[in-house]
């Protein structure tokens, strides 16, 4: 029968516990490093004339944040309408401008678009590690802001078009120009 000393057993237990804690600290550091090193592709583009809505899911981004080593957005899906569908939706809600000229009535919208938000449901969506962010070029530009901070800044007052994969992970975000 092998004899074990109490001090030796205690020392072995403490070393094992310290090793487990070190492993946990390394895992947490790796998660934080992966979030901190997330560098999505950021492109700035000039404003181009647009005659119809683009393909993708239009939304407002209400929050951009990091959780457990990944970045997420809280999005509120909307419909971006242009032309006749925009006027029809605005008329239905009493938001279109009525113009009477020579006895004829026409309806109009400023800038020929209408944003329809029939429900304010918030959706939490994960950003792909290498998502692409396309922003409308402005005078102040992106400067030295990190990509996620740049997105946070733009999200405050913007409308965006999301490209999602089958699991609803965000692959691309494009800022919609609003005059």
C-alpha atoms as a PDB file:
ATOM      1  CA  UNK A   1       0.000   0.000   0.000  1.00  0.00           C
ATOM      2  CA  UNK A   2       1.357   3.437  -0.965  1.00  0.00           C
ATOM      3  CA  UNK A   3       1.415   6.138   1.712  1.00  0.00           C
ATOM      4  CA  UNK A   4       0.513   9.684   0.703  1.00  0.00           C
ATOM      5  CA  UNK A   5       1.436  12.643   2.770  1.00  0.00           C
ATOM      6  CA  UNK A   6      -1.155  15.293   3.472  1.00  0.00           C
ATOM      7  CA  UNK A   7       1.197  18.203   2.517  1.00  0.00           C
ATOM      8  CA  UNK A   8       2.067  16.491  -0.786  1.00  0.00           C
ATOM      9  CA  UNK A   9      -1.602  15.889  -1.624  1.00  0.00           C
ATOM     10  CA  UNK A  10      -2.450  19.494  -0.759  1.00  0.00           C
ATOM     11  CA  UNK A  11       0.376  20.793  -2.963  1.00  0.00           C
ATOM     12  CA  UNK A  12      -0.761  18.625  -5.903  1.00  0.00           C
ATOM     13  CA  UNK A  13      -4.367  19.894  -5.518  1.00  0.00           C
ATOM     14  CA  UNK A  14      -3.239  23.532  -5.459  1.00  0.00           C
ATOM     15  CA  UNK A  15      -1.067  23.079  -8.556  1.00  0.00           C
ATOM     16  CA  UNK A  16      -3.953  21.428 -10.425  1.00  0.00           C
ATOM     17  CA  UNK A  17      -6.345  24.219  -9.433  1.00  0.00           C
ATOM     18  CA  UNK A  18      -3.868  26.918 -10.516  1.00  0.00           C
ATOM     19  CA  UNK A  19      -3.394  25.182 -13.866  1.00  0.00           C
ATOM     20  CA  UNK A  20      -7.153  25.142 -14.458  1.00  0.00           C
ATOM     21  CA  UNK A  21      -7.454  28.843 -13.595  1.00  0.00           C
ATOM     22  CA  UNK A  22      -4.567  29.698 -15.919  1.00  0.00           C
ATOM     23  CA  UNK A  23      -6.281  27.801 -18.744  1.00  0.00           C
ATOM     24  CA  UNK A  24      -9.536  29.707 -18.086  1.00  0.00           C
ATOM     25  CA  UNK A  25      -7.663  33.046 -18.094  1.00  0.00           C
ATOM     26  CA  UNK A  26      -5.985  32.116 -21.397  1.00  0.00           C
ATOM     27  CA  UNK A  27      -9.354  31.192 -22.972  1.00  0.00           C
ATOM     28  CA  UNK A  28     -10.915  34.485 -21.841  1.00  0.00           C
ATOM     29  CA  UNK A  29      -7.909  36.430 -23.112  1.00  0.00           C
ATOM     30  CA  UNK A  30      -8.158  34.637 -26.474  1.00  0.00           C
ATOM     31  CA  UNK A  31     -11.886  35.515 -26.728  1.00  0.00           C
ATOM     32  CA  UNK A  32     -11.183  39.158 -25.900  1.00  0.00           C
ATOM     33  CA  UNK A  33      -8.265  39.270 -28.339  1.00  0.00           C
ATOM     34  CA  UNK A  34     -10.442  37.852 -31.132  1.00  0.00           C
ATOM     35  CA  UNK A  35     -13.077  40.526 -30.523  1.00  0.00           C
ATOM     36  CA  UNK A  36     -10.434  43.241 -30.240  1.00  0.00           C
ATOM     37  CA  UNK A  37      -8.709  42.149 -33.457  1.00  0.00           C
ATOM     38  CA  UNK A  38     -11.937  41.896 -35.465  1.00  0.00           C
ATOM     39  CA  UNK A  39     -11.187  44.064 -38.469  1.00  0.00           C
ATOM     40  CA  UNK A  40     -14.115  44.014 -40.841  1.00  0.00           C
ATOM     41  CA  UNK A  41     -13.565  45.465 -44.265  1.00  0.00           C
ATOM     42  CA  UNK A  42     -14.662  49.120 -44.369  1.00  0.00           C
ATOM     43  CA  UNK A  43     -15.336  50.819 -47.687  1.00  0.00           C
ATOM     44  CA  UNK A  44     -16.500  54.362 -48.245  1.00  0.00           C
ATOM     45  CA  UNK A  45     -18.435  55.037 -51.445  1.00  0.00           C
ATOM     46  CA  UNK A  46     -19.736  58.136 -53.179  1.00  0.00           C
ATOM     47  CA  UNK A  47     -23.488  58.764 -53.312  1.00  0.00           C
ATOM     48  CA  UNK A  48     -24.989  57.318 -56.499  1.00  0.00           C
ATOM     49  CA  UNK A  49     -28.462  57.981 -57.933  1.00  0.00           C
ATOM     50  CA  UNK A  50     -30.905  55.257 -56.979  1.00  0.00           C
ATOM     51  CA  UNK A  51     -34.188  54.444 -58.725  1.00  0.00           C
ATOM     52  CA  UNK A  52     -35.236  51.421 -56.659  1.00  0.00           C
ATOM     53  CA  UNK A  53     -34.451  49.826 -53.291  1.00  0.00           C
ATOM     54  CA  UNK A  54     -31.386  47.593 -53.175  1.00  0.00           C
ATOM     55  CA  UNK A  55     -31.471  43.882 -52.435  1.00  0.00           C
ATOM     56  CA  UNK A  56     -31.107  43.016 -48.752  1.00  0.00           C
ATOM     57  CA  UNK A  57     -32.837  43.556 -45.436  1.00  0.00           C
ATOM     58  CA  UNK A  58     -33.265  47.232 -44.571  1.00  0.00           C
ATOM     59  CA  UNK A  59     -32.988  48.125 -40.902  1.00  0.00           C
ATOM     60  CA  UNK A  60     -32.131  50.626 -38.233  1.00  0.00           C
ATOM     61  CA  UNK A  61     -29.205  49.541 -36.063  1.00  0.00           C
ATOM     62  CA  UNK A  62     -30.003  50.442 -32.481  1.00  0.00           C
ATOM     63  CA  UNK A  63     -26.936  48.983 -30.799  1.00  0.00           C
ATOM     64  CA  UNK A  64     -23.493  47.578 -31.698  1.00  0.00           C
ATOM     65  CA  UNK A  65     -21.754  45.631 -28.938  1.00  0.00           C
ATOM     66  CA  UNK A  66     -19.296  42.866 -28.016  1.00  0.00           C
ATOM     67  CA  UNK A  67     -20.333  39.809 -26.027  1.00  0.00           C
ATOM     68  CA  UNK A  68     -18.310  36.650 -25.330  1.00  0.00           C
ATOM     69  CA  UNK A  69     -15.707  37.467 -27.974  1.00  0.00           C
ATOM     70  CA  UNK A  70     -18.149  38.245 -30.817  1.00  0.00           C
ATOM     71  CA  UNK A  71     -19.804  41.427 -32.053  1.00  0.00           C
ATOM     72  CA  UNK A  72     -23.565  41.819 -32.375  1.00  0.00           C
ATOM     73  CA  UNK A  73     -26.085  44.379 -33.546  1.00  0.00           C
ATOM     74  CA  UNK A  74     -29.629  44.972 -32.374  1.00  0.00           C
ATOM     75  CA  UNK A  75     -31.598  45.681 -35.539  1.00  0.00           C
ATOM     76  CA  UNK A  76     -35.132  46.882 -36.250  1.00  0.00           C
ATOM     77  CA  UNK A  77     -36.220  45.684 -39.716  1.00  0.00           C
ATOM     78  CA  UNK A  78     -38.015  48.212 -41.941  1.00  0.00           C
ATOM     79  CA  UNK A  79     -39.216  48.494 -45.533  1.00  0.00           C
ATOM     80  CA  UNK A  80     -37.547  51.079 -47.771  1.00  0.00           C
ATOM     81  CA  UNK A  81     -39.942  52.041 -50.544  1.00  0.00           C
ATOM     82  CA  UNK A  82     -39.420  54.246 -53.599  1.00  0.00           C
ATOM     83  CA  UNK A  83     -41.639  55.568 -56.386  1.00  0.00           C
ATOM     84  CA  UNK A  84     -45.295  54.514 -56.591  1.00  0.00           C
ATOM     85  CA  UNK A  85     -45.110  51.943 -53.737  1.00  0.00           C
ATOM     86  CA  UNK A  86     -43.655  54.667 -51.485  1.00  0.00           C
ATOM     87  CA  UNK A  87     -46.422  57.129 -52.351  1.00  0.00           C
ATOM     88  CA  UNK A  88     -49.126  54.457 -51.872  1.00  0.00           C
ATOM     89  CA  UNK A  89     -47.797  53.493 -48.422  1.00  0.00           C
ATOM     90  CA  UNK A  90     -47.436  57.140 -47.390  1.00  0.00           C
ATOM     91  CA  UNK A  91     -50.976  57.948 -48.588  1.00  0.00           C
ATOM     92  CA  UNK A  92     -52.358  55.010 -46.618  1.00  0.00           C
ATOM     93  CA  UNK A  93     -50.783  56.460 -43.453  1.00  0.00           C
ATOM     94  CA  UNK A  94     -51.585  60.090 -44.233  1.00  0.00           C
ATOM     95  CA  UNK A  95     -47.948  61.049 -44.842  1.00  0.00           C
ATOM     96  CA  UNK A  96     -48.046  61.893 -48.571  1.00  0.00           C
ATOM     97  CA  UNK A  97     -48.283  65.470 -49.784  1.00  0.00           C
ATOM     98  CA  UNK A  98     -51.465  66.232 -51.719  1.00  0.00           C
ATOM     99  CA  UNK A  99     -50.986  68.557 -54.688  1.00  0.00           C
ATOM    100  CA  UNK A 100     -53.961  69.964 -56.609  1.00  0.00           C
ATOM    101  CA  UNK A 101     -53.091  71.553 -59.931  1.00  0.00           C
ATOM    102  CA  UNK A 102     -55.666  72.532 -62.580  1.00  0.00           C
ATOM    103  CA  UNK A 103     -58.255  70.382 -60.816  1.00  0.00           C
ATOM    104  CA  UNK A 104     -56.072  67.295 -60.849  1.00  0.00           C
ATOM    105  CA  UNK A 105     -54.852  65.731 -57.596  1.00  0.00           C
ATOM    106  CA  UNK A 106     -51.445  64.139 -57.373  1.00  0.00           C
ATOM    107  CA  UNK A 107     -49.532  62.832 -54.395  1.00  0.00           C
ATOM    108  CA  UNK A 108     -45.893  63.366 -53.626  1.00  0.00           C
ATOM    109  CA  UNK A 109     -43.146  62.555 -51.131  1.00  0.00           C
ATOM    110  CA  UNK A 110     -40.044  64.567 -50.359  1.00  0.00           C
ATOM    111  CA  UNK A 111     -37.032  62.815 -51.934  1.00  0.00           C
ATOM    112  CA  UNK A 112     -39.286  60.070 -53.403  1.00  0.00           C
ATOM    113  CA  UNK A 113     -38.775  57.476 -50.654  1.00  0.00           C
ATOM    114  CA  UNK A 114     -40.724  56.252 -47.645  1.00  0.00           C
ATOM    115  CA  UNK A 115     -39.574  54.154 -44.696  1.00  0.00           C
ATOM    116  CA  UNK A 116     -42.234  51.848 -43.356  1.00  0.00           C
ATOM    117  CA  UNK A 117     -41.752  50.337 -39.914  1.00  0.00           C
ATOM    118  CA  UNK A 118     -44.840  48.278 -39.145  1.00  0.00           C
ATOM    119  CA  UNK A 119     -43.339  46.636 -36.064  1.00  0.00           C
ATOM    120  CA  UNK A 120     -40.516  47.698 -33.815  1.00  0.00           C
ATOM    121  CA  UNK A 121     -39.269  44.184 -33.042  1.00  0.00           C
ATOM    122  CA  UNK A 122     -35.581  44.147 -32.089  1.00  0.00           C
ATOM    123  CA  UNK A 123     -33.474  41.345 -33.522  1.00  0.00           C
ATOM    124  CA  UNK A 124     -30.062  40.458 -32.146  1.00  0.00           C
ATOM    125  CA  UNK A 125     -27.770  39.487 -35.018  1.00  0.00           C
ATOM    126  CA  UNK A 126     -24.173  38.275 -34.851  1.00  0.00           C
ATOM    127  CA  UNK A 127     -21.590  39.965 -37.082  1.00  0.00           C
ATOM    128  CA  UNK A 128     -19.392  37.636 -39.114  1.00  0.00           C
ATOM    129  CA  UNK A 129     -15.737  38.073 -38.062  1.00  0.00           C
ATOM    130  CA  UNK A 130     -14.826  39.561 -41.455  1.00  0.00           C
ATOM    131  CA  UNK A 131     -18.095  41.329 -42.320  1.00  0.00           C
ATOM    132  CA  UNK A 132     -17.965  44.085 -44.928  1.00  0.00           C
ATOM    133  CA  UNK A 133     -19.189  47.574 -44.000  1.00  0.00           C
ATOM    134  CA  UNK A 134     -19.927  49.998 -46.838  1.00  0.00           C
ATOM    135  CA  UNK A 135     -20.513  53.589 -45.735  1.00  0.00           C
ATOM    136  CA  UNK A 136     -21.518  56.678 -47.660  1.00  0.00           C
ATOM    137  CA  UNK A 137     -18.482  58.956 -47.937  1.00  0.00           C
ATOM    138  CA  UNK A 138     -18.787  62.108 -45.856  1.00  0.00           C
ATOM    139  CA  UNK A 139     -16.554  65.130 -45.358  1.00  0.00           C
ATOM    140  CA  UNK A 140     -15.322  63.912 -41.987  1.00  0.00           C
ATOM    141  CA  UNK A 141     -14.474  60.383 -43.238  1.00  0.00           C
ATOM    142  CA  UNK A 142     -13.647  57.393 -41.074  1.00  0.00           C
ATOM    143  CA  UNK A 143     -10.329  58.801 -39.904  1.00  0.00           C
ATOM    144  CA  UNK A 144      -8.563  56.634 -37.379  1.00  0.00           C
ATOM    145  CA  UNK A 145     -11.635  55.075 -35.772  1.00  0.00           C
ATOM    146  CA  UNK A 146     -11.609  51.276 -35.490  1.00  0.00           C
ATOM    147  CA  UNK A 147     -14.157  49.671 -37.809  1.00  0.00           C
ATOM    148  CA  UNK A 148     -16.639  48.675 -35.095  1.00  0.00           C
ATOM    149  CA  UNK A 149     -16.479  52.159 -33.527  1.00  0.00           C
ATOM    150  CA  UNK A 150     -17.051  53.649 -36.979  1.00  0.00           C
ATOM    151  CA  UNK A 151     -20.141  51.450 -37.366  1.00  0.00           C
ATOM    152  CA  UNK A 152     -21.372  52.515 -33.902  1.00  0.00           C
ATOM    153  CA  UNK A 153     -21.003  56.163 -34.886  1.00  0.00           C
ATOM    154  CA  UNK A 154     -22.856  55.705 -38.179  1.00  0.00           C
ATOM    155  CA  UNK A 155     -25.582  53.512 -36.679  1.00  0.00           C
ATOM    156  CA  UNK A 156     -26.873  56.328 -34.517  1.00  0.00           C
ATOM    157  CA  UNK A 157     -28.755  58.118 -37.317  1.00  0.00           C
ATOM    158  CA  UNK A 158     -28.568  55.769 -40.266  1.00  0.00           C
ATOM    159  CA  UNK A 159     -30.540  53.317 -42.321  1.00  0.00           C
ATOM    160  CA  UNK A 160     -28.719  50.160 -43.374  1.00  0.00           C
ATOM    161  CA  UNK A 161     -29.041  47.202 -45.725  1.00  0.00           C
ATOM    162  CA  UNK A 162     -27.980  43.854 -44.307  1.00  0.00           C
ATOM    163  CA  UNK A 163     -26.736  40.796 -46.158  1.00  0.00           C
ATOM    164  CA  UNK A 164     -27.372  37.722 -44.004  1.00  0.00           C
ATOM    165  CA  UNK A 165     -26.422  34.077 -44.340  1.00  0.00           C
ATOM    166  CA  UNK A 166     -28.824  31.167 -43.710  1.00  0.00           C
ATOM    167  CA  UNK A 167     -28.159  31.406 -39.940  1.00  0.00           C
ATOM    168  CA  UNK A 168     -28.921  35.153 -39.920  1.00  0.00           C
ATOM    169  CA  UNK A 169     -25.270  36.055 -39.349  1.00  0.00           C
ATOM    170  CA  UNK A 170     -24.480  39.480 -40.822  1.00  0.00           C
ATOM    171  CA  UNK A 171     -22.036  39.137 -43.730  1.00  0.00           C
ATOM    172  CA  UNK A 172     -22.295  42.743 -44.958  1.00  0.00           C
ATOM    173  CA  UNK A 173     -23.788  46.062 -43.872  1.00  0.00           C
ATOM    174  CA  UNK A 174     -24.331  48.871 -46.359  1.00  0.00           C
ATOM    175  CA  UNK A 175     -25.332  52.369 -45.321  1.00  0.00           C
ATOM    176  CA  UNK A 176     -28.336  53.713 -47.249  1.00  0.00           C
ATOM    177  CA  UNK A 177     -27.961  57.332 -48.316  1.00  0.00           C
ATOM    178  CA  UNK A 178     -30.866  59.498 -47.166  1.00  0.00           C
ATOM    179  CA  UNK A 179     -30.972  63.062 -48.520  1.00  0.00           C
END
